[in-house]
Amino acid sequence: MAEATVESVRAEVSAAFESYMTELKQSAPNWDTRPEGATEGEAAWSPRQVAEHIAGSGLYFAAGIAKAIGIEGAEMQRFQLESADVAVSKTTESHASLMGVVDQIEDAQLSTRIEKTPIGDTTVGGLVALVAHHLKDHAGQLKTLRDA
């Protein structure tokens, strides 16, 4: 298997983001509808809650990656998104901040160790891969909510 490059991890995050945004744009009809039977945790989230989580996570990941590579990153914040249209706009802004950091990663920095991430100790490359996985996971969640 080929070793990851900045170009390949950027492409992976971009593809995952497009997949997520495709689902987000279709979430308006059930924006505040929580899945039946789910009582707690992410499984009980409405599309609004998923969108608020993802919009904030872009800034969270940007801050963590920026710190690891020694640059200034985005300031973290939480979002309250009243509609799918607002969510599309705010998530696009949040993702632009994330990619502004990802675009500054150099290939040699992909192996830089990061301690105490959501997945435990990892590398910059591992954290960027987590971003892509996270977007894909929540795109799937939105699709499931839409199809319910």
N, C-alpha and C. Protein backbone atom coordinates (compact mmCIF):
# COMPACT_ATOMS: atom_id res chain seq x y z
N MET A 1 0.84 -1.18 0.00
CA MET A 1 0.00 0.00 0.00
C MET A 1 0.89 1.24 0.00
N ALA A 2 0.54 2.23 -0.79
CA ALA A 2 1.33 3.46 -0.89
C ALA A 2 1.23 4.25 0.41
N GLU A 3 2.32 4.90 0.75
CA GLU A 3 2.35 5.73 1.94
C GLU A 3 1.51 6.99 1.70
N ALA A 4 0.82 7.43 2.74
CA ALA A 4 -0.03 8.62 2.63
C ALA A 4 0.83 9.85 2.35
N THR A 5 0.29 10.72 1.53
CA THR A 5 0.90 12.01 1.26
C THR A 5 -0.12 13.08 1.63
N VAL A 6 0.35 14.30 1.76
CA VAL A 6 -0.57 15.39 2.06
C VAL A 6 -1.63 15.47 0.96
N GLU A 7 -1.21 15.30 -0.26
CA GLU A 7 -2.16 15.35 -1.38
C GLU A 7 -3.24 14.27 -1.23
N SER A 8 -2.85 13.06 -0.84
CA SER A 8 -3.84 11.98 -0.72
C SER A 8 -4.77 12.20 0.46
N VAL A 9 -4.26 12.70 1.59
CA VAL A 9 -5.15 12.92 2.74
C VAL A 9 -6.08 14.10 2.49
N ARG A 10 -5.60 15.11 1.79
CA ARG A 10 -6.48 16.23 1.43
C ARG A 10 -7.62 15.73 0.54
N ALA A 11 -7.28 14.92 -0.43
CA ALA A 11 -8.28 14.39 -1.35
C ALA A 11 -9.30 13.53 -0.60
N GLU A 12 -8.85 12.75 0.37
CA GLU A 12 -9.75 11.91 1.16
C GLU A 12 -10.72 12.76 1.98
N VAL A 13 -10.20 13.82 2.60
CA VAL A 13 -11.06 14.71 3.39
C VAL A 13 -12.04 15.44 2.47
N SER A 14 -11.58 15.90 1.34
CA SER A 14 -12.45 16.61 0.40
C SER A 14 -13.59 15.72 -0.10
N ALA A 15 -13.28 14.48 -0.43
CA ALA A 15 -14.31 13.55 -0.90
C ALA A 15 -15.31 13.26 0.21
N ALA A 16 -14.83 13.07 1.42
CA ALA A 16 -15.72 12.80 2.55
C ALA A 16 -16.62 14.01 2.83
N PHE A 17 -16.05 15.20 2.71
CA PHE A 17 -16.83 16.42 2.92
C PHE A 17 -17.94 16.54 1.88
N GLU A 18 -17.63 16.27 0.65
CA GLU A 18 -18.65 16.34 -0.41
C GLU A 18 -19.77 15.34 -0.14
N SER A 19 -19.43 14.16 0.30
CA SER A 19 -20.43 13.15 0.64
C SER A 19 -21.32 13.64 1.78
N TYR A 20 -20.70 14.20 2.80
CA TYR A 20 -21.45 14.73 3.93
C TYR A 20 -22.38 15.86 3.49
N MET A 21 -21.85 16.78 2.70
CA MET A 21 -22.66 17.93 2.27
C MET A 21 -23.84 17.51 1.40
N THR A 22 -23.66 16.47 0.60
CA THR A 22 -24.76 15.95 -0.21
C THR A 22 -25.91 15.53 0.70
N GLU A 23 -25.59 14.86 1.78
CA GLU A 23 -26.62 14.43 2.73
C GLU A 23 -27.18 15.60 3.52
N LEU A 24 -26.33 16.52 3.94
CA LEU A 24 -26.79 17.67 4.72
C LEU A 24 -27.80 18.49 3.92
N LYS A 25 -27.55 18.67 2.65
CA LYS A 25 -28.45 19.47 1.81
C LYS A 25 -29.83 18.84 1.66
N GLN A 26 -29.95 17.55 1.97
CA GLN A 26 -31.23 16.86 1.87
C GLN A 26 -31.92 16.68 3.22
N SER A 27 -31.38 17.29 4.25
CA SER A 27 -31.87 17.01 5.61
C SER A 27 -32.99 17.93 6.09
N ALA A 28 -33.35 18.95 5.33
CA ALA A 28 -34.36 19.92 5.78
C ALA A 28 -35.70 19.30 6.16
N PRO A 29 -36.25 18.34 5.39
CA PRO A 29 -37.59 17.83 5.73
C PRO A 29 -37.71 17.21 7.12
N ASN A 30 -36.62 16.68 7.65
CA ASN A 30 -36.68 16.06 8.98
C ASN A 30 -35.66 16.69 9.94
N TRP A 31 -35.44 17.98 9.80
CA TRP A 31 -34.38 18.72 10.51
C TRP A 31 -34.34 18.45 12.01
N ASP A 32 -35.48 18.50 12.66
CA ASP A 32 -35.52 18.33 14.11
C ASP A 32 -36.10 16.98 14.55
N THR A 33 -36.22 16.05 13.62
CA THR A 33 -36.81 14.74 13.93
C THR A 33 -35.74 13.78 14.42
N ARG A 34 -35.95 13.31 15.62
CA ARG A 34 -35.03 12.31 16.19
C ARG A 34 -35.51 10.92 15.80
N PRO A 35 -34.59 9.98 15.65
CA PRO A 35 -35.00 8.62 15.26
C PRO A 35 -35.85 7.95 16.34
N GLU A 36 -36.84 7.22 15.90
CA GLU A 36 -37.69 6.49 16.85
C GLU A 36 -36.90 5.40 17.53
N GLY A 37 -37.15 5.24 18.81
CA GLY A 37 -36.53 4.16 19.56
C GLY A 37 -35.17 4.47 20.14
N ALA A 38 -34.45 5.42 19.59
CA ALA A 38 -33.14 5.77 20.12
C ALA A 38 -33.33 6.72 21.30
N THR A 39 -32.65 6.47 22.39
CA THR A 39 -32.88 7.27 23.59
C THR A 39 -31.71 8.14 24.02
N GLU A 40 -30.51 7.81 23.59
CA GLU A 40 -29.37 8.61 24.04
C GLU A 40 -28.20 8.50 23.08
N GLY A 41 -27.26 9.41 23.25
CA GLY A 41 -26.05 9.40 22.44
C GLY A 41 -26.30 9.79 21.00
N GLU A 42 -25.29 9.62 20.19
CA GLU A 42 -25.36 10.00 18.78
C GLU A 42 -26.49 9.28 18.04
N ALA A 43 -26.82 8.08 18.45
CA ALA A 43 -27.89 7.34 17.79
C ALA A 43 -29.24 8.04 17.92
N ALA A 44 -29.37 8.93 18.89
CA ALA A 44 -30.64 9.63 19.12
C ALA A 44 -30.65 11.04 18.53
N TRP A 45 -29.60 11.39 17.79
CA TRP A 45 -29.51 12.74 17.25
C TRP A 45 -30.42 12.97 16.05
N SER A 46 -30.95 14.18 15.98
CA SER A 46 -31.68 14.65 14.80
C SER A 46 -30.65 15.15 13.78
N PRO A 47 -31.06 15.38 12.54
CA PRO A 47 -30.13 15.98 11.58
C PRO A 47 -29.54 17.30 12.08
N ARG A 48 -30.33 18.10 12.78
CA ARG A 48 -29.81 19.36 13.33
C ARG A 48 -28.64 19.08 14.28
N GLN A 49 -28.79 18.11 15.16
CA GLN A 49 -27.72 17.81 16.10
C GLN A 49 -26.47 17.29 15.40
N VAL A 50 -26.66 16.48 14.38
CA VAL A 50 -25.52 15.99 13.59
C VAL A 50 -24.81 17.20 12.96
N ALA A 51 -25.59 18.09 12.35
CA ALA A 51 -25.02 19.26 11.67
C ALA A 51 -24.28 20.17 12.64
N GLU A 52 -24.84 20.39 13.82
CA GLU A 52 -24.17 21.24 14.81
C GLU A 52 -22.86 20.61 15.26
N HIS A 53 -22.86 19.30 15.40
CA HIS A 53 -21.65 18.56 15.78
C HIS A 53 -20.57 18.67 14.70
N ILE A 54 -20.94 18.45 13.46
CA ILE A 54 -19.96 18.49 12.37
C ILE A 54 -19.43 19.91 12.15
N ALA A 55 -20.28 20.90 12.21
CA ALA A 55 -19.80 22.28 12.02
C ALA A 55 -18.75 22.62 13.08
N GLY A 56 -19.01 22.23 14.32
CA GLY A 56 -18.04 22.49 15.39
C GLY A 56 -16.80 21.63 15.29
N SER A 57 -16.96 20.41 14.80
CA SER A 57 -15.81 19.49 14.75
C SER A 57 -14.76 19.95 13.75
N GLY A 58 -15.18 20.63 12.69
CA GLY A 58 -14.20 21.14 11.73
C GLY A 58 -13.21 22.07 12.40
N LEU A 59 -13.73 22.95 13.26
CA LEU A 59 -12.87 23.89 13.97
C LEU A 59 -12.05 23.18 15.05
N TYR A 60 -12.64 22.19 15.70
CA TYR A 60 -11.95 21.40 16.70
C TYR A 60 -10.74 20.69 16.09
N PHE A 61 -10.97 20.01 14.97
CA PHE A 61 -9.87 19.31 14.32
C PHE A 61 -8.84 20.29 13.77
N ALA A 62 -9.28 21.41 13.24
CA ALA A 62 -8.34 22.42 12.73
C ALA A 62 -7.42 22.90 13.85
N ALA A 63 -7.98 23.14 15.03
CA ALA A 63 -7.18 23.61 16.16
C ALA A 63 -6.14 22.56 16.58
N GLY A 64 -6.57 21.30 16.63
CA GLY A 64 -5.65 20.23 17.03
C GLY A 64 -4.53 20.00 16.04
N ILE A 65 -4.86 20.00 14.77
CA ILE A 65 -3.84 19.81 13.74
C ILE A 65 -2.89 21.00 13.71
N ALA A 66 -3.44 22.20 13.80
CA ALA A 66 -2.60 23.42 13.79
C ALA A 66 -1.59 23.39 14.94
N LYS A 67 -2.06 23.03 16.12
CA LYS A 67 -1.16 22.96 17.27
C LYS A 67 -0.03 21.96 17.01
N ALA A 68 -0.37 20.82 16.44
CA ALA A 68 0.62 19.77 16.19
C ALA A 68 1.68 20.18 15.17
N ILE A 69 1.30 21.01 14.20
CA ILE A 69 2.29 21.40 13.18
C ILE A 69 2.86 22.79 13.43
N GLY A 70 2.47 23.41 14.55
CA GLY A 70 3.08 24.66 14.96
C GLY A 70 2.60 25.91 14.23
N ILE A 71 1.33 25.92 13.87
CA ILE A 71 0.78 27.12 13.24
C ILE A 71 -0.43 27.58 14.03
N GLU A 72 -0.92 28.75 13.71
CA GLU A 72 -2.13 29.24 14.36
C GLU A 72 -3.33 28.58 13.71
N GLY A 73 -4.25 28.14 14.54
CA GLY A 73 -5.43 27.45 14.02
C GLY A 73 -6.70 28.21 14.30
N ALA A 74 -7.77 27.63 13.91
CA ALA A 74 -9.09 28.22 14.11
C ALA A 74 -9.47 28.16 15.59
N GLU A 75 -10.31 29.09 15.99
CA GLU A 75 -10.84 29.07 17.34
C GLU A 75 -12.06 28.17 17.37
N MET A 76 -12.11 27.28 18.34
CA MET A 76 -13.23 26.36 18.43
C MET A 76 -14.49 27.11 18.85
N GLN A 77 -15.64 26.62 18.38
CA GLN A 77 -16.91 27.17 18.81
C GLN A 77 -18.00 26.13 18.61
N ARG A 78 -19.09 26.33 19.30
CA ARG A 78 -20.27 25.47 19.15
C ARG A 78 -21.28 26.23 18.30
N PHE A 79 -22.07 25.47 17.58
CA PHE A 79 -23.05 26.07 16.68
C PHE A 79 -24.46 25.70 17.08
N GLN A 80 -25.38 26.63 16.87
CA GLN A 80 -26.82 26.37 16.94
C GLN A 80 -27.35 26.74 15.57
N LEU A 81 -27.76 25.74 14.84
CA LEU A 81 -28.12 25.92 13.43
C LEU A 81 -29.62 25.73 13.26
N GLU A 82 -30.31 26.83 12.96
CA GLU A 82 -31.77 26.80 12.93
C GLU A 82 -32.37 26.15 11.70
N SER A 83 -31.58 25.94 10.66
CA SER A 83 -32.11 25.32 9.45
C SER A 83 -30.99 24.60 8.69
N ALA A 84 -31.40 23.76 7.77
CA ALA A 84 -30.41 23.06 6.94
C ALA A 84 -29.65 24.05 6.07
N ASP A 85 -30.31 25.10 5.59
CA ASP A 85 -29.62 26.11 4.78
C ASP A 85 -28.53 26.81 5.57
N VAL A 86 -28.83 27.17 6.81
CA VAL A 86 -27.82 27.81 7.66
C VAL A 86 -26.70 26.81 7.94
N ALA A 87 -27.06 25.56 8.15
CA ALA A 87 -26.05 24.53 8.41
C ALA A 87 -25.10 24.37 7.23
N VAL A 88 -25.63 24.39 6.02
CA VAL A 88 -24.79 24.28 4.83
C VAL A 88 -23.78 25.43 4.81
N SER A 89 -24.24 26.64 5.07
CA SER A 89 -23.37 27.80 5.05
C SER A 89 -22.30 27.73 6.14
N LYS A 90 -22.71 27.47 7.37
CA LYS A 90 -21.76 27.45 8.50
C LYS A 90 -20.79 26.27 8.40
N THR A 91 -21.28 25.14 7.91
CA THR A 91 -20.40 23.98 7.76
C THR A 91 -19.37 24.23 6.66
N THR A 92 -19.77 24.90 5.62
CA THR A 92 -18.84 25.25 4.55
C THR A 92 -17.75 26.18 5.09
N GLU A 93 -18.13 27.15 5.91
CA GLU A 93 -17.15 28.05 6.53
C GLU A 93 -16.21 27.30 7.46
N SER A 94 -16.77 26.44 8.28
CA SER A 94 -15.97 25.65 9.22
C SER A 94 -14.98 24.76 8.46
N HIS A 95 -15.46 24.13 7.41
CA HIS A 95 -14.60 23.26 6.62
C HIS A 95 -13.48 24.05 5.93
N ALA A 96 -13.78 25.25 5.49
CA ALA A 96 -12.75 26.10 4.88
C ALA A 96 -11.65 26.40 5.90
N SER A 97 -12.03 26.64 7.15
CA SER A 97 -11.02 26.86 8.19
C SER A 97 -10.17 25.61 8.39
N LEU A 98 -10.82 24.46 8.42
CA LEU A 98 -10.10 23.19 8.56
C LEU A 98 -9.12 23.01 7.41
N MET A 99 -9.60 23.19 6.19
CA MET A 99 -8.74 22.98 5.03
C MET A 99 -7.62 24.02 4.95
N GLY A 100 -7.86 25.20 5.50
CA GLY A 100 -6.79 26.19 5.58
C GLY A 100 -5.62 25.69 6.41
N VAL A 101 -5.91 24.88 7.40
CA VAL A 101 -4.86 24.26 8.22
C VAL A 101 -4.29 23.04 7.49
N VAL A 102 -5.16 22.18 6.99
CA VAL A 102 -4.70 20.96 6.30
C VAL A 102 -3.81 21.33 5.12
N ASP A 103 -4.12 22.41 4.44
CA ASP A 103 -3.32 22.84 3.29
C ASP A 103 -1.90 23.25 3.68
N GLN A 104 -1.66 23.49 4.95
CA GLN A 104 -0.32 23.89 5.41
C GLN A 104 0.52 22.72 5.90
N ILE A 105 -0.08 21.54 5.97
CA ILE A 105 0.68 20.36 6.39
C ILE A 105 1.67 19.99 5.30
N GLU A 106 2.87 19.67 5.70
CA GLU A 106 3.88 19.17 4.78
C GLU A 106 3.97 17.65 4.94
N ASP A 107 4.37 16.96 3.88
CA ASP A 107 4.43 15.50 3.92
C ASP A 107 5.18 14.98 5.14
N ALA A 108 6.31 15.59 5.48
CA ALA A 108 7.11 15.12 6.62
C ALA A 108 6.36 15.25 7.94
N GLN A 109 5.38 16.15 8.01
CA GLN A 109 4.63 16.36 9.25
C GLN A 109 3.53 15.31 9.47
N LEU A 110 3.19 14.54 8.46
CA LEU A 110 2.15 13.53 8.61
C LEU A 110 2.49 12.53 9.71
N SER A 111 3.77 12.30 9.95
CA SER A 111 4.18 11.33 10.98
C SER A 111 4.41 11.98 12.34
N THR A 112 4.16 13.28 12.47
CA THR A 112 4.31 13.97 13.75
C THR A 112 3.32 13.39 14.76
N ARG A 113 3.83 13.01 15.92
CA ARG A 113 3.00 12.41 16.96
C ARG A 113 2.12 13.45 17.63
N ILE A 114 0.88 13.05 17.93
CA ILE A 114 -0.06 13.88 18.69
C ILE A 114 -0.59 13.01 19.82
N GLU A 115 -0.53 13.53 21.03
CA GLU A 115 -1.03 12.79 22.18
C GLU A 115 -2.44 13.25 22.53
N LYS A 116 -3.19 12.35 23.11
CA LYS A 116 -4.51 12.64 23.68
C LYS A 116 -5.50 13.22 22.68
N THR A 117 -5.70 12.51 21.59
CA THR A 117 -6.73 12.89 20.61
C THR A 117 -7.98 12.06 20.91
N PRO A 118 -9.08 12.29 20.19
CA PRO A 118 -10.28 11.47 20.41
C PRO A 118 -10.04 9.97 20.16
N ILE A 119 -8.99 9.64 19.43
CA ILE A 119 -8.70 8.22 19.17
C ILE A 119 -7.45 7.76 19.91
N GLY A 120 -7.01 8.54 20.88
CA GLY A 120 -5.79 8.22 21.60
C GLY A 120 -4.59 8.85 20.92
N ASP A 121 -3.41 8.42 21.29
CA ASP A 121 -2.20 8.96 20.67
C ASP A 121 -2.18 8.54 19.21
N THR A 122 -1.83 9.49 18.33
CA THR A 122 -1.82 9.22 16.90
C THR A 122 -0.79 10.13 16.24
N THR A 123 -0.91 10.29 14.95
CA THR A 123 -0.05 11.19 14.19
C THR A 123 -0.93 12.24 13.51
N VAL A 124 -0.29 13.24 12.95
CA VAL A 124 -1.04 14.24 12.17
C VAL A 124 -1.81 13.54 11.06
N GLY A 125 -1.15 12.62 10.35
CA GLY A 125 -1.82 11.88 9.29
C GLY A 125 -3.00 11.07 9.81
N GLY A 126 -2.84 10.47 10.97
CA GLY A 126 -3.93 9.71 11.58
C GLY A 126 -5.10 10.59 11.96
N LEU A 127 -4.81 11.80 12.44
CA LEU A 127 -5.89 12.71 12.81
C LEU A 127 -6.62 13.22 11.58
N VAL A 128 -5.89 13.48 10.51
CA VAL A 128 -6.55 13.90 9.26
C VAL A 128 -7.40 12.76 8.71
N ALA A 129 -6.91 11.54 8.81
CA ALA A 129 -7.70 10.38 8.38
C ALA A 129 -8.96 10.25 9.22
N LEU A 130 -8.86 10.57 10.52
CA LEU A 130 -10.03 10.55 11.39
C LEU A 130 -11.06 11.58 10.93
N VAL A 131 -10.62 12.74 10.49
CA VAL A 131 -11.54 13.76 9.97
C VAL A 131 -12.37 13.17 8.83
N ALA A 132 -11.70 12.52 7.89
CA ALA A 132 -12.41 11.93 6.75
C ALA A 132 -13.38 10.85 7.22
N HIS A 133 -12.95 9.99 8.10
CA HIS A 133 -13.81 8.94 8.63
C HIS A 133 -15.03 9.54 9.34
N HIS A 134 -14.80 10.57 10.13
CA HIS A 134 -15.85 11.24 10.89
C HIS A 134 -16.91 11.81 9.95
N LEU A 135 -16.48 12.47 8.89
CA LEU A 135 -17.41 13.03 7.91
C LEU A 135 -18.22 11.92 7.23
N LYS A 136 -17.55 10.84 6.84
CA LYS A 136 -18.25 9.72 6.19
C LYS A 136 -19.27 9.09 7.13
N ASP A 137 -18.87 8.91 8.37
CA ASP A 137 -19.74 8.30 9.38
C ASP A 137 -21.02 9.12 9.55
N HIS A 138 -20.87 10.43 9.68
CA HIS A 138 -22.05 11.27 9.90
C HIS A 138 -22.84 11.50 8.61
N ALA A 139 -22.21 11.39 7.46
CA ALA A 139 -22.97 11.39 6.21
C ALA A 139 -23.89 10.18 6.17
N GLY A 140 -23.37 9.04 6.58
CA GLY A 140 -24.18 7.84 6.65
C GLY A 140 -25.32 7.97 7.65
N GLN A 141 -25.04 8.62 8.77
CA GLN A 141 -26.08 8.85 9.76
C GLN A 141 -27.20 9.73 9.19
N LEU A 142 -26.85 10.81 8.49
CA LEU A 142 -27.86 11.66 7.87
C LEU A 142 -28.67 10.90 6.83
N LYS A 143 -27.99 10.04 6.07
CA LYS A 143 -28.71 9.24 5.06
C LYS A 143 -29.70 8.30 5.73
N THR A 144 -29.29 7.69 6.80
CA THR A 144 -30.18 6.80 7.55
C THR A 144 -31.38 7.57 8.09
N LEU A 145 -31.15 8.74 8.61
CA LEU A 145 -32.25 9.56 9.13
C LEU A 145 -33.20 9.97 8.00
N ARG A 146 -32.66 10.27 6.85
CA ARG A 146 -33.48 10.66 5.70
C ARG A 146 -34.31 9.50 5.20
N ASP A 147 -33.72 8.32 5.21
CA ASP A 147 -34.39 7.13 4.68
C ASP A 147 -35.39 6.50 5.66
N ALA A 148 -35.35 6.96 6.91
CA ALA A 148 -36.23 6.35 7.94
C ALA A 148 -37.69 6.67 7.72
